[in-house]
Amino acid sequence: MITARGLARSFQTKSGPIDAVKPIDLDVRAGEIVGLLGPNGAGKTTTLRMLTTLLMPSAGSATVAGADLVGQPRDVRRRIGYVAQVGAAPSAGTLVGEELVTQARLQGLSKSAASERLRQVAPRLDLGGLEGRALLELSGGQRRRFDVALGLMHSPQLVFLDEPTTGLDPQSRANLWRHIKSLRDDVGLTVVLTTHYLDEADALADRVLVMDHGQIVANDTPDALKARISGDVVTFGIADGDDRAKAEAVARAATDVREVVTSDSAVLVTVDDGAVAVAPLLRALDAAGLSPTSITVNRPTLDDVFLTLTGHSLREGNEVA
């Protein structure tokens, strides 16, 4: 459904060029839900904007839904749906059904075909019965489902969702996840979504592309990515940077560890069995005069994968444009 090779985008600023997305290769198969995972600024949205023809690549090539990204942008747009991070602000009196039908008409559907499409799409996203309601009266979750419906009115083969659940409460997020899964399971739609929520990528994506500093640093299923880090992760909270460096050396010498990584506020030690390793690690830290502010033992998560791959936590973010 998507094949991209060497796709890149740079921006010229007063201080010089910034490589928002460095040359990347990616493939998306039909019927997949693929997640672009990374912190704010990692290049996820820029990648999506290129793949949806909203931003011209600085380099590289891509085929999206069977059309050339640069040579056939209109064909790409006819075959895809795109749901941006924030929908357009509705004007007073705009009705749900009227807006969805208008969107379909703009995509070339006849009035009767657009009305029929509305009857198909609205119930699928729990918008049935709300066609006559003003957009301003919708809840946050309803409004986000409406945004997704806008991207589906012309029956695309592929839909791009840019951070679809940002700002939603947990119940609304879980509800939207269910609807996104149904698009693949019941309709066979291919979905590409960006997110910086670890649980979202874990719950939704068949495959995850991990982005950092404009590059794809990993490409696999969530389970396979987590399997790269076997064992348990013991996290010691240590605020002082010099103490963290000392604690890393102590941990490596104290017990049989697979990996030791430091973040801005902690030392993470990967071991075969966290329950067994905690006691000797604590004894060694105490003997070295180090007192952790907190201790946790966890199974590996996607954040642990990201930390291992990049040296910093996904939650810490970075400064890529």
C-alpha atoms as a PDB file:
ATOM      1  CA  MET A   1       0.000   0.000   0.000  1.00  0.00           C
ATOM      2  CA  ILE A   2       2.960   2.307   0.708  1.00  0.00           C
ATOM      3  CA  THR A   3       6.528   1.987  -0.543  1.00  0.00           C
ATOM      4  CA  ALA A   4       8.952   4.813   0.229  1.00  0.00           C
ATOM      5  CA  ARG A   5      12.664   4.958  -0.430  1.00  0.00           C
ATOM      6  CA  GLY A   6      15.007   7.679   0.769  1.00  0.00           C
ATOM      7  CA  LEU A   7      12.104   9.960   1.673  1.00  0.00           C
ATOM      8  CA  ALA A   8      13.404  13.099   3.383  1.00  0.00           C
ATOM      9  CA  ARG A   9      12.412  16.644   4.256  1.00  0.00           C
ATOM     10  CA  SER A  10      14.543  19.584   5.353  1.00  0.00           C
ATOM     11  CA  PHE A  11      13.561  23.133   6.242  1.00  0.00           C
ATOM     12  CA  GLN A  12      15.590  26.283   5.814  1.00  0.00           C
ATOM     13  CA  THR A  13      15.745  28.488   8.906  1.00  0.00           C
ATOM     14  CA  LYS A  14      17.656  31.618   9.859  1.00  0.00           C
ATOM     15  CA  SER A  15      20.206  29.463  11.652  1.00  0.00           C
ATOM     16  CA  GLY A  16      20.554  27.080   8.715  1.00  0.00           C
ATOM     17  CA  PRO A  17      18.877  23.943   7.330  1.00  0.00           C
ATOM     18  CA  ILE A  18      17.103  21.537   9.659  1.00  0.00           C
ATOM     19  CA  ASP A  19      16.618  17.902   8.671  1.00  0.00           C
ATOM     20  CA  ALA A  20      13.138  17.224  10.043  1.00  0.00           C
ATOM     21  CA  VAL A  21      13.067  13.808   8.369  1.00  0.00           C
ATOM     22  CA  LYS A  22      16.308  12.215   7.248  1.00  0.00           C
ATOM     23  CA  PRO A  23      16.213   9.696   4.357  1.00  0.00           C
ATOM     24  CA  ILE A  24      13.892   6.883   5.420  1.00  0.00           C
ATOM     25  CA  ASP A  25      12.623   3.684   3.813  1.00  0.00           C
ATOM     26  CA  LEU A  26       9.244   2.294   4.778  1.00  0.00           C
ATOM     27  CA  ASP A  27       6.697  -0.225   3.549  1.00  0.00           C
ATOM     28  CA  VAL A  28       3.070  -0.655   4.583  1.00  0.00           C
ATOM     29  CA  ARG A  29       1.088  -3.690   3.480  1.00  0.00           C
ATOM     30  CA  ALA A  30      -2.617  -3.616   2.669  1.00  0.00           C
ATOM     31  CA  GLY A  31      -4.798  -4.286   5.695  1.00  0.00           C
ATOM     32  CA  GLU A  32      -2.185  -3.303   8.293  1.00  0.00           C
ATOM     33  CA  ILE A  33      -2.414  -0.852  11.136  1.00  0.00           C
ATOM     34  CA  VAL A  34       1.044   0.686  11.292  1.00  0.00           C
ATOM     35  CA  GLY A  35       2.032   3.072  14.065  1.00  0.00           C
ATOM     36  CA  LEU A  36       4.652   5.801  13.799  1.00  0.00           C
ATOM     37  CA  LEU A  37       5.843   6.041  17.391  1.00  0.00           C
ATOM     38  CA  GLY A  38       8.041   8.758  18.762  1.00  0.00           C
ATOM     39  CA  PRO A  39       8.130  11.870  20.948  1.00  0.00           C
ATOM     40  CA  ASN A  40       6.858  15.242  19.805  1.00  0.00           C
ATOM     41  CA  GLY A  41       9.294  16.569  17.224  1.00  0.00           C
ATOM     42  CA  ALA A  42      10.590  13.183  16.096  1.00  0.00           C
ATOM     43  CA  GLY A  43       9.404  13.700  12.504  1.00  0.00           C
ATOM     44  CA  LYS A  44       6.152  11.721  12.616  1.00  0.00           C
ATOM     45  CA  THR A  45       3.821  14.463  11.419  1.00  0.00           C
ATOM     46  CA  THR A  46       6.279  15.652   8.774  1.00  0.00           C
ATOM     47  CA  THR A  47       6.430  12.098   7.426  1.00  0.00           C
ATOM     48  CA  LEU A  48       2.642  11.907   7.341  1.00  0.00           C
ATOM     49  CA  ARG A  49       2.364  15.264   5.610  1.00  0.00           C
ATOM     50  CA  MET A  50       4.746  14.080   2.900  1.00  0.00           C
ATOM     51  CA  LEU A  51       2.901  10.801   2.380  1.00  0.00           C
ATOM     52  CA  THR A  52      -0.415  12.667   2.098  1.00  0.00           C
ATOM     53  CA  THR A  53       0.945  15.186  -0.491  1.00  0.00           C
ATOM     54  CA  LEU A  54       0.620  18.119   1.925  1.00  0.00           C
ATOM     55  CA  LEU A  55       4.386  18.626   1.966  1.00  0.00           C
ATOM     56  CA  MET A  56       6.758  18.074  -0.933  1.00  0.00           C
ATOM     57  CA  PRO A  57       9.668  15.774  -0.073  1.00  0.00           C
ATOM     58  CA  SER A  58      13.145  17.272  -0.306  1.00  0.00           C
ATOM     59  CA  ALA A  59      14.437  13.931  -1.558  1.00  0.00           C
ATOM     60  CA  GLY A  60      13.376  10.364  -2.212  1.00  0.00           C
ATOM     61  CA  SER A  61      10.365   8.711  -3.813  1.00  0.00           C
ATOM     62  CA  ALA A  62       7.204   6.939  -2.721  1.00  0.00           C
ATOM     63  CA  THR A  63       4.203   5.095  -4.080  1.00  0.00           C
ATOM     64  CA  VAL A  64       1.028   5.532  -2.035  1.00  0.00           C
ATOM     65  CA  ALA A  65      -2.091   3.462  -2.801  1.00  0.00           C
ATOM     66  CA  GLY A  66      -0.672   2.649  -6.215  1.00  0.00           C
ATOM     67  CA  ALA A  67       0.073   6.251  -7.240  1.00  0.00           C
ATOM     68  CA  ASP A  68       3.376   8.089  -7.423  1.00  0.00           C
ATOM     69  CA  LEU A  69       3.621  10.572  -4.577  1.00  0.00           C
ATOM     70  CA  VAL A  70       5.289  13.335  -6.593  1.00  0.00           C
ATOM     71  CA  GLY A  71       4.076  12.581 -10.111  1.00  0.00           C
ATOM     72  CA  GLN A  72       0.446  11.715  -9.317  1.00  0.00           C
ATOM     73  CA  PRO A  73      -0.513  13.711  -6.199  1.00  0.00           C
ATOM     74  CA  ARG A  74      -4.184  14.034  -7.223  1.00  0.00           C
ATOM     75  CA  ASP A  75      -4.490  10.268  -7.583  1.00  0.00           C
ATOM     76  CA  VAL A  76      -2.911   9.825  -4.154  1.00  0.00           C
ATOM     77  CA  ARG A  77      -5.410  12.249  -2.610  1.00  0.00           C
ATOM     78  CA  ARG A  78      -8.364  10.477  -4.234  1.00  0.00           C
ATOM     79  CA  ARG A  79      -7.321   7.166  -2.706  1.00  0.00           C
ATOM     80  CA  ILE A  80      -6.439   8.190   0.832  1.00  0.00           C
ATOM     81  CA  GLY A  81      -8.097   9.748   3.852  1.00  0.00           C
ATOM     82  CA  TYR A  82      -6.262  12.097   6.186  1.00  0.00           C
ATOM     83  CA  VAL A  83      -7.256  13.083   9.723  1.00  0.00           C
ATOM     84  CA  ALA A  84      -5.068  15.860  11.098  1.00  0.00           C
ATOM     85  CA  GLN A  85      -4.188  16.359  14.763  1.00  0.00           C
ATOM     86  CA  VAL A  86      -6.731  19.152  15.104  1.00  0.00           C
ATOM     87  CA  GLY A  87      -9.862  19.445  12.986  1.00  0.00           C
ATOM     88  CA  ALA A  88     -11.063  22.731  11.544  1.00  0.00           C
ATOM     89  CA  ALA A  89     -13.091  24.908  13.884  1.00  0.00           C
ATOM     90  CA  PRO A  90     -16.792  24.513  12.999  1.00  0.00           C
ATOM     91  CA  SER A  91     -18.929  27.516  12.235  1.00  0.00           C
ATOM     92  CA  ALA A  92     -22.105  28.107  14.187  1.00  0.00           C
ATOM     93  CA  GLY A  93     -24.987  25.982  12.946  1.00  0.00           C
ATOM     94  CA  THR A  94     -22.854  23.465  11.010  1.00  0.00           C
ATOM     95  CA  LEU A  95     -24.614  20.096  11.197  1.00  0.00           C
ATOM     96  CA  VAL A  96     -22.890  16.712  11.384  1.00  0.00           C
ATOM     97  CA  GLY A  97     -24.712  15.124   8.454  1.00  0.00           C
ATOM     98  CA  GLU A  98     -24.518  18.167   6.204  1.00  0.00           C
ATOM     99  CA  GLU A  99     -20.769  18.520   6.748  1.00  0.00           C
ATOM    100  CA  LEU A 100     -20.104  14.838   6.026  1.00  0.00           C
ATOM    101  CA  VAL A 101     -22.187  14.923   2.840  1.00  0.00           C
ATOM    102  CA  THR A 102     -20.420  18.112   1.741  1.00  0.00           C
ATOM    103  CA  GLN A 103     -17.059  16.408   2.262  1.00  0.00           C
ATOM    104  CA  ALA A 104     -18.151  13.489   0.080  1.00  0.00           C
ATOM    105  CA  ARG A 105     -19.428  15.859  -2.629  1.00  0.00           C
ATOM    106  CA  LEU A 106     -16.085  17.677  -2.626  1.00  0.00           C
ATOM    107  CA  GLN A 107     -14.466  14.297  -3.299  1.00  0.00           C
ATOM    108  CA  GLY A 108     -16.623  13.822  -6.385  1.00  0.00           C
ATOM    109  CA  LEU A 109     -19.555  11.759  -5.100  1.00  0.00           C
ATOM    110  CA  SER A 110     -23.073  12.533  -6.316  1.00  0.00           C
ATOM    111  CA  LYS A 111     -25.608  13.784  -3.788  1.00  0.00           C
ATOM    112  CA  SER A 112     -27.349  10.410  -3.630  1.00  0.00           C
ATOM    113  CA  ALA A 113     -24.040   8.536  -3.332  1.00  0.00           C
ATOM    114  CA  ALA A 114     -22.874  10.909  -0.596  1.00  0.00           C
ATOM    115  CA  SER A 115     -26.119  10.403   1.341  1.00  0.00           C
ATOM    116  CA  GLU A 116     -25.761   6.641   1.031  1.00  0.00           C
ATOM    117  CA  ARG A 117     -22.180   6.840   2.206  1.00  0.00           C
ATOM    118  CA  LEU A 118     -23.319   8.854   5.217  1.00  0.00           C
ATOM    119  CA  ARG A 119     -25.745   6.054   6.127  1.00  0.00           C
ATOM    120  CA  GLN A 120     -22.814   3.615   6.067  1.00  0.00           C
ATOM    121  CA  VAL A 121     -20.174   5.661   7.864  1.00  0.00           C
ATOM    122  CA  ALA A 122     -22.162   7.360  10.659  1.00  0.00           C
ATOM    123  CA  PRO A 123     -23.277   4.153  12.456  1.00  0.00           C
ATOM    124  CA  ARG A 124     -19.807   2.623  12.129  1.00  0.00           C
ATOM    125  CA  LEU A 125     -18.373   5.473  14.199  1.00  0.00           C
ATOM    126  CA  ASP A 126     -21.287   5.730  16.632  1.00  0.00           C
ATOM    127  CA  LEU A 127     -22.538   8.912  14.960  1.00  0.00           C
ATOM    128  CA  GLY A 128     -25.864   7.445  13.921  1.00  0.00           C
ATOM    129  CA  GLY A 129     -28.690   9.648  15.139  1.00  0.00           C
ATOM    130  CA  LEU A 130     -26.385  12.658  15.426  1.00  0.00           C
ATOM    131  CA  GLU A 131     -26.637  13.712  11.786  1.00  0.00           C
ATOM    132  CA  GLY A 132     -28.912  16.640  12.664  1.00  0.00           C
ATOM    133  CA  ARG A 133     -26.860  17.841  15.620  1.00  0.00           C
ATOM    134  CA  ALA A 134     -24.626  20.905  15.414  1.00  0.00           C
ATOM    135  CA  LEU A 135     -20.900  20.187  15.536  1.00  0.00           C
ATOM    136  CA  LEU A 136     -20.535  22.642  18.382  1.00  0.00           C
ATOM    137  CA  GLU A 137     -22.775  20.397  20.490  1.00  0.00           C
ATOM    138  CA  LEU A 138     -20.607  17.282  20.141  1.00  0.00           C
ATOM    139  CA  SER A 139     -18.458  15.975  22.979  1.00  0.00           C
ATOM    140  CA  GLY A 140     -14.705  15.658  22.522  1.00  0.00           C
ATOM    141  CA  GLY A 141     -14.914  11.960  21.700  1.00  0.00           C
ATOM    142  CA  GLN A 142     -17.811  12.472  19.276  1.00  0.00           C
ATOM    143  CA  ARG A 143     -15.976  15.295  17.552  1.00  0.00           C
ATOM    144  CA  ARG A 144     -12.877  13.163  17.069  1.00  0.00           C
ATOM    145  CA  ARG A 145     -14.971  10.335  15.601  1.00  0.00           C
ATOM    146  CA  PHE A 146     -16.558  12.911  13.311  1.00  0.00           C
ATOM    147  CA  ASP A 147     -13.058  13.936  12.153  1.00  0.00           C
ATOM    148  CA  VAL A 148     -12.332  10.292  11.315  1.00  0.00           C
ATOM    149  CA  ALA A 149     -15.662  10.031   9.472  1.00  0.00           C
ATOM    150  CA  LEU A 150     -14.674  13.019   7.308  1.00  0.00           C
ATOM    151  CA  GLY A 151     -11.617  11.083   6.176  1.00  0.00           C
ATOM    152  CA  LEU A 152     -13.707   8.021   5.270  1.00  0.00           C
ATOM    153  CA  MET A 153     -16.566   9.579   3.290  1.00  0.00           C
ATOM    154  CA  HIS A 154     -14.980   8.964  -0.130  1.00  0.00           C
ATOM    155  CA  SER A 155     -14.186   5.280   0.632  1.00  0.00           C
ATOM    156  CA  PRO A 156     -10.379   5.548   0.696  1.00  0.00           C
ATOM    157  CA  GLN A 157      -8.107   2.520   0.491  1.00  0.00           C
ATOM    158  CA  LEU A 158      -5.798   3.969   3.121  1.00  0.00           C
ATOM    159  CA  VAL A 159      -6.361   6.397   5.992  1.00  0.00           C
ATOM    160  CA  PHE A 160      -3.759   8.440   7.880  1.00  0.00           C
ATOM    161  CA  LEU A 161      -4.518   9.409  11.476  1.00  0.00           C
ATOM    162  CA  ASP A 162      -2.238  12.006  13.035  1.00  0.00           C
ATOM    163  CA  GLU A 163      -2.277  11.549  16.838  1.00  0.00           C
ATOM    164  CA  PRO A 164      -5.991  10.697  16.749  1.00  0.00           C
ATOM    165  CA  THR A 165      -6.613  10.539  20.512  1.00  0.00           C
ATOM    166  CA  THR A 166      -4.646  13.557  21.753  1.00  0.00           C
ATOM    167  CA  GLY A 167      -6.708  15.441  24.324  1.00  0.00           C
ATOM    168  CA  LEU A 168      -9.322  12.727  24.815  1.00  0.00           C
ATOM    169  CA  ASP A 169     -10.228  11.262  28.196  1.00  0.00           C
ATOM    170  CA  PRO A 170      -9.364   7.563  28.785  1.00  0.00           C
ATOM    171  CA  GLN A 171     -12.875   6.312  28.018  1.00  0.00           C
ATOM    172  CA  SER A 172     -13.063   8.252  24.746  1.00  0.00           C
ATOM    173  CA  ARG A 173      -9.575   7.040  23.784  1.00  0.00           C
ATOM    174  CA  ALA A 174     -10.515   3.401  24.349  1.00  0.00           C
ATOM    175  CA  ASN A 175     -13.719   3.916  22.378  1.00  0.00           C
ATOM    176  CA  LEU A 176     -11.842   5.396  19.421  1.00  0.00           C
ATOM    177  CA  TRP A 177      -9.309   2.553  19.543  1.00  0.00           C
ATOM    178  CA  ARG A 178     -12.191   0.103  19.120  1.00  0.00           C
ATOM    179  CA  HIS A 179     -13.437   1.989  16.074  1.00  0.00           C
ATOM    180  CA  ILE A 180      -9.982   2.151  14.503  1.00  0.00           C
ATOM    181  CA  LYS A 181      -9.541  -1.601  14.925  1.00  0.00           C
ATOM    182  CA  SER A 182     -12.942  -2.211  13.334  1.00  0.00           C
ATOM    183  CA  LEU A 183     -11.873  -0.283  10.235  1.00  0.00           C
ATOM    184  CA  ARG A 184      -9.211  -2.907   9.652  1.00  0.00           C
ATOM    185  CA  ASP A 185     -11.077  -5.960  10.914  1.00  0.00           C
ATOM    186  CA  ASP A 186     -14.483  -5.288   9.334  1.00  0.00           C
ATOM    187  CA  VAL A 187     -13.655  -3.167   6.282  1.00  0.00           C
ATOM    188  CA  GLY A 188     -10.067  -4.200   5.495  1.00  0.00           C
ATOM    189  CA  LEU A 189      -8.867  -0.586   5.569  1.00  0.00           C
ATOM    190  CA  THR A 190      -5.157   0.124   5.848  1.00  0.00           C
ATOM    191  CA  VAL A 191      -4.372   2.560   8.670  1.00  0.00           C
ATOM    192  CA  VAL A 192      -1.228   4.560   9.381  1.00  0.00           C
ATOM    193  CA  LEU A 193      -1.292   6.494  12.630  1.00  0.00           C
ATOM    194  CA  THR A 194       1.171   8.640  14.514  1.00  0.00           C
ATOM    195  CA  THR A 195       1.271   8.599  18.285  1.00  0.00           C
ATOM    196  CA  HIS A 196       3.510   9.336  21.238  1.00  0.00           C
ATOM    197  CA  TYR A 197       1.327   7.194  23.509  1.00  0.00           C
ATOM    198  CA  LEU A 198       3.031   3.882  24.252  1.00  0.00           C
ATOM    199  CA  ASP A 199      -0.201   2.111  25.197  1.00  0.00           C
ATOM    200  CA  GLU A 200      -1.836   3.289  21.963  1.00  0.00           C
ATOM    201  CA  ALA A 201       0.891   1.824  19.772  1.00  0.00           C
ATOM    202  CA  ASP A 202       0.841  -1.380  21.815  1.00  0.00           C
ATOM    203  CA  ALA A 203      -2.948  -1.745  21.610  1.00  0.00           C
ATOM    204  CA  LEU A 204      -3.548  -0.779  17.997  1.00  0.00           C
ATOM    205  CA  ALA A 205      -0.549  -1.348  15.782  1.00  0.00           C
ATOM    206  CA  ASP A 206       0.224  -4.573  13.958  1.00  0.00           C
ATOM    207  CA  ARG A 207       3.647  -3.072  13.374  1.00  0.00           C
ATOM    208  CA  VAL A 208       5.484  -0.106  14.868  1.00  0.00           C
ATOM    209  CA  LEU A 209       7.994   2.210  13.228  1.00  0.00           C
ATOM    210  CA  VAL A 210       9.956   3.924  15.992  1.00  0.00           C
ATOM    211  CA  MET A 211      11.143   7.415  14.987  1.00  0.00           C
ATOM    212  CA  ASP A 212      13.759   9.537  16.711  1.00  0.00           C
ATOM    213  CA  HIS A 213      15.545  12.651  15.437  1.00  0.00           C
ATOM    214  CA  GLY A 214      13.963  12.266  12.008  1.00  0.00           C
ATOM    215  CA  GLN A 215      15.032   8.659  11.526  1.00  0.00           C
ATOM    216  CA  ILE A 216      13.346   5.264  11.776  1.00  0.00           C
ATOM    217  CA  VAL A 217      15.350   3.448  14.432  1.00  0.00           C
ATOM    218  CA  ALA A 218      13.225   0.278  14.658  1.00  0.00           C
ATOM    219  CA  ASN A 219      10.552  -1.486  12.606  1.00  0.00           C
ATOM    220  CA  ASP A 220       8.742  -4.518  14.018  1.00  0.00           C
ATOM    221  CA  THR A 221       5.675  -5.731  15.892  1.00  0.00           C
ATOM    222  CA  PRO A 222       5.246  -4.375  19.432  1.00  0.00           C
ATOM    223  CA  ASP A 223       5.846  -7.843  20.896  1.00  0.00           C
ATOM    224  CA  ALA A 224       8.972  -8.402  18.818  1.00  0.00           C
ATOM    225  CA  LEU A 225      10.359  -5.005  19.806  1.00  0.00           C
ATOM    226  CA  LYS A 226       9.816  -5.743  23.488  1.00  0.00           C
ATOM    227  CA  ALA A 227      11.338  -9.208  23.057  1.00  0.00           C
ATOM    228  CA  ARG A 228      14.608  -7.501  22.161  1.00  0.00           C
ATOM    229  CA  ILE A 229      14.872  -6.662  25.851  1.00  0.00           C
ATOM    230  CA  SER A 230      14.515  -9.943  27.694  1.00  0.00           C
ATOM    231  CA  GLY A 231      14.223 -10.102  31.442  1.00  0.00           C
ATOM    232  CA  ASP A 232      13.044  -7.426  33.880  1.00  0.00           C
ATOM    233  CA  VAL A 233      13.938  -3.750  34.137  1.00  0.00           C
ATOM    234  CA  VAL A 234      14.911  -2.514  37.608  1.00  0.00           C
ATOM    235  CA  THR A 235      14.720   1.281  37.760  1.00  0.00           C
ATOM    236  CA  PHE A 236      16.550   3.239  40.454  1.00  0.00           C
ATOM    237  CA  GLY A 237      15.581   6.887  40.808  1.00  0.00           C
ATOM    238  CA  ILE A 238      18.779   8.935  41.219  1.00  0.00           C
ATOM    239  CA  ALA A 239      18.587  12.697  40.772  1.00  0.00           C
ATOM    240  CA  ASP A 240      22.262  13.709  40.702  1.00  0.00           C
ATOM    241  CA  GLY A 241      24.104  13.172  37.423  1.00  0.00           C
ATOM    242  CA  ASP A 242      27.425  12.235  39.025  1.00  0.00           C
ATOM    243  CA  ASP A 243      25.641   9.731  41.267  1.00  0.00           C
ATOM    244  CA  ARG A 244      23.920   8.197  38.234  1.00  0.00           C
ATOM    245  CA  ALA A 245      27.257   7.611  36.526  1.00  0.00           C
ATOM    246  CA  LYS A 246      28.610   6.039  39.712  1.00  0.00           C
ATOM    247  CA  ALA A 247      25.470   3.920  40.136  1.00  0.00           C
ATOM    248  CA  GLU A 248      25.785   2.617  36.577  1.00  0.00           C
ATOM    249  CA  ALA A 249      29.311   1.345  37.298  1.00  0.00           C
ATOM    250  CA  VAL A 250      28.227  -0.155  40.627  1.00  0.00           C
ATOM    251  CA  ALA A 251      25.267  -1.942  39.039  1.00  0.00           C
ATOM    252  CA  ARG A 252      27.415  -3.507  36.334  1.00  0.00           C
ATOM    253  CA  ALA A 253      29.749  -4.939  38.965  1.00  0.00           C
ATOM    254  CA  ALA A 254      27.093  -5.999  41.471  1.00  0.00           C
ATOM    255  CA  THR A 255      25.240  -8.679  39.540  1.00  0.00           C
ATOM    256  CA  ASP A 256      24.826 -10.327  36.148  1.00  0.00           C
ATOM    257  CA  VAL A 257      23.108  -7.604  34.104  1.00  0.00           C
ATOM    258  CA  ARG A 258      22.057  -7.573  30.473  1.00  0.00           C
ATOM    259  CA  GLU A 259      22.075  -3.807  30.052  1.00  0.00           C
ATOM    260  CA  VAL A 260      22.457  -0.652  32.121  1.00  0.00           C
ATOM    261  CA  VAL A 261      21.130   2.652  30.764  1.00  0.00           C
ATOM    262  CA  THR A 262      20.882   6.073  32.414  1.00  0.00           C
ATOM    263  CA  SER A 263      18.163   8.628  31.777  1.00  0.00           C
ATOM    264  CA  ASP A 264      17.796  12.186  33.070  1.00  0.00           C
ATOM    265  CA  SER A 265      16.619  10.994  36.468  1.00  0.00           C
ATOM    266  CA  ALA A 266      17.222   7.258  36.817  1.00  0.00           C
ATOM    267  CA  VAL A 267      19.391   4.224  36.165  1.00  0.00           C
ATOM    268  CA  LEU A 268      17.653   1.320  34.401  1.00  0.00           C
ATOM    269  CA  VAL A 269      19.150  -2.133  34.875  1.00  0.00           C
ATOM    270  CA  THR A 270      17.953  -5.034  32.724  1.00  0.00           C
ATOM    271  CA  VAL A 271      18.333  -8.432  34.455  1.00  0.00           C
ATOM    272  CA  ASP A 272      16.976 -11.953  34.066  1.00  0.00           C
ATOM    273  CA  ASP A 273      14.945 -11.834  37.272  1.00  0.00           C
ATOM    274  CA  GLY A 274      14.239  -8.482  38.888  1.00  0.00           C
ATOM    275  CA  ALA A 275      13.024  -9.958  42.194  1.00  0.00           C
ATOM    276  CA  VAL A 276      16.317 -11.802  42.665  1.00  0.00           C
ATOM    277  CA  ALA A 277      18.533  -8.944  41.470  1.00  0.00           C
ATOM    278  CA  VAL A 278      17.077  -6.130  43.604  1.00  0.00           C
ATOM    279  CA  ALA A 279      18.702  -7.199  46.897  1.00  0.00           C
ATOM    280  CA  PRO A 280      22.323  -7.429  45.679  1.00  0.00           C
ATOM    281  CA  LEU A 281      21.906  -4.219  43.668  1.00  0.00           C
ATOM    282  CA  LEU A 282      20.644  -2.346  46.730  1.00  0.00           C
ATOM    283  CA  ARG A 283      23.447  -3.703  48.896  1.00  0.00           C
ATOM    284  CA  ALA A 284      26.036  -2.612  46.347  1.00  0.00           C
ATOM    285  CA  LEU A 285      24.527   0.869  45.996  1.00  0.00           C
ATOM    286  CA  ASP A 286      24.385   1.274  49.762  1.00  0.00           C
ATOM    287  CA  ALA A 287      28.006   0.193  50.127  1.00  0.00           C
ATOM    288  CA  ALA A 288      28.919   2.856  47.542  1.00  0.00           C
ATOM    289  CA  GLY A 289      27.080   5.513  49.535  1.00  0.00           C
ATOM    290  CA  LEU A 290      24.227   5.849  47.064  1.00  0.00           C
ATOM    291  CA  SER A 291      20.579   6.070  48.158  1.00  0.00           C
ATOM    292  CA  PRO A 292      17.981   5.729  45.353  1.00  0.00           C
ATOM    293  CA  THR A 293      14.905   7.930  45.681  1.00  0.00           C
ATOM    294  CA  SER A 294      12.712   5.158  44.237  1.00  0.00           C
ATOM    295  CA  ILE A 295      12.890   1.551  43.047  1.00  0.00           C
ATOM    296  CA  THR A 296      10.577  -0.213  40.579  1.00  0.00           C
ATOM    297  CA  VAL A 297      10.679  -3.572  38.810  1.00  0.00           C
ATOM    298  CA  ASN A 298       8.862  -3.855  35.482  1.00  0.00           C
ATOM    299  CA  ARG A 299       8.581  -6.062  32.466  1.00  0.00           C
ATOM    300  CA  PRO A 300       9.977  -4.388  29.322  1.00  0.00           C
ATOM    301  CA  THR A 301       7.734  -1.810  27.628  1.00  0.00           C
ATOM    302  CA  LEU A 302       7.953   0.067  24.356  1.00  0.00           C
ATOM    303  CA  ASP A 303       9.477   2.938  26.304  1.00  0.00           C
ATOM    304  CA  ASP A 304      12.260   0.594  27.465  1.00  0.00           C
ATOM    305  CA  VAL A 305      12.786  -0.362  23.815  1.00  0.00           C
ATOM    306  CA  PHE A 306      12.975   3.308  22.866  1.00  0.00           C
ATOM    307  CA  LEU A 307      15.414   4.021  25.683  1.00  0.00           C
ATOM    308  CA  THR A 308      17.640   1.122  24.653  1.00  0.00           C
ATOM    309  CA  LEU A 309      17.597   2.208  21.009  1.00  0.00           C
ATOM    310  CA  THR A 310      18.140   5.927  21.527  1.00  0.00           C
ATOM    311  CA  GLY A 311      19.588   6.437  25.002  1.00  0.00           C
ATOM    312  CA  HIS A 312      16.670   8.589  26.177  1.00  0.00           C
ATOM    313  CA  SER A 313      13.107   8.004  27.230  1.00  0.00           C
ATOM    314  CA  LEU A 314      10.223   8.521  24.839  1.00  0.00           C
ATOM    315  CA  ARG A 315       8.517  10.614  27.522  1.00  0.00           C
ATOM    316  CA  GLU A 316      11.473  12.991  27.724  1.00  0.00           C
ATOM    317  CA  GLY A 317      10.997  14.192  24.128  1.00  0.00           C
ATOM    318  CA  ASN A 318      13.619  15.877  21.991  1.00  0.00           C
ATOM    319  CA  GLU A 319      14.157  18.998  19.930  1.00  0.00           C
ATOM    320  CA  VAL A 320      13.855  17.784  16.331  1.00  0.00           C
ATOM    321  CA  ALA A 321      11.752  20.145  14.205  1.00  0.00           C
END
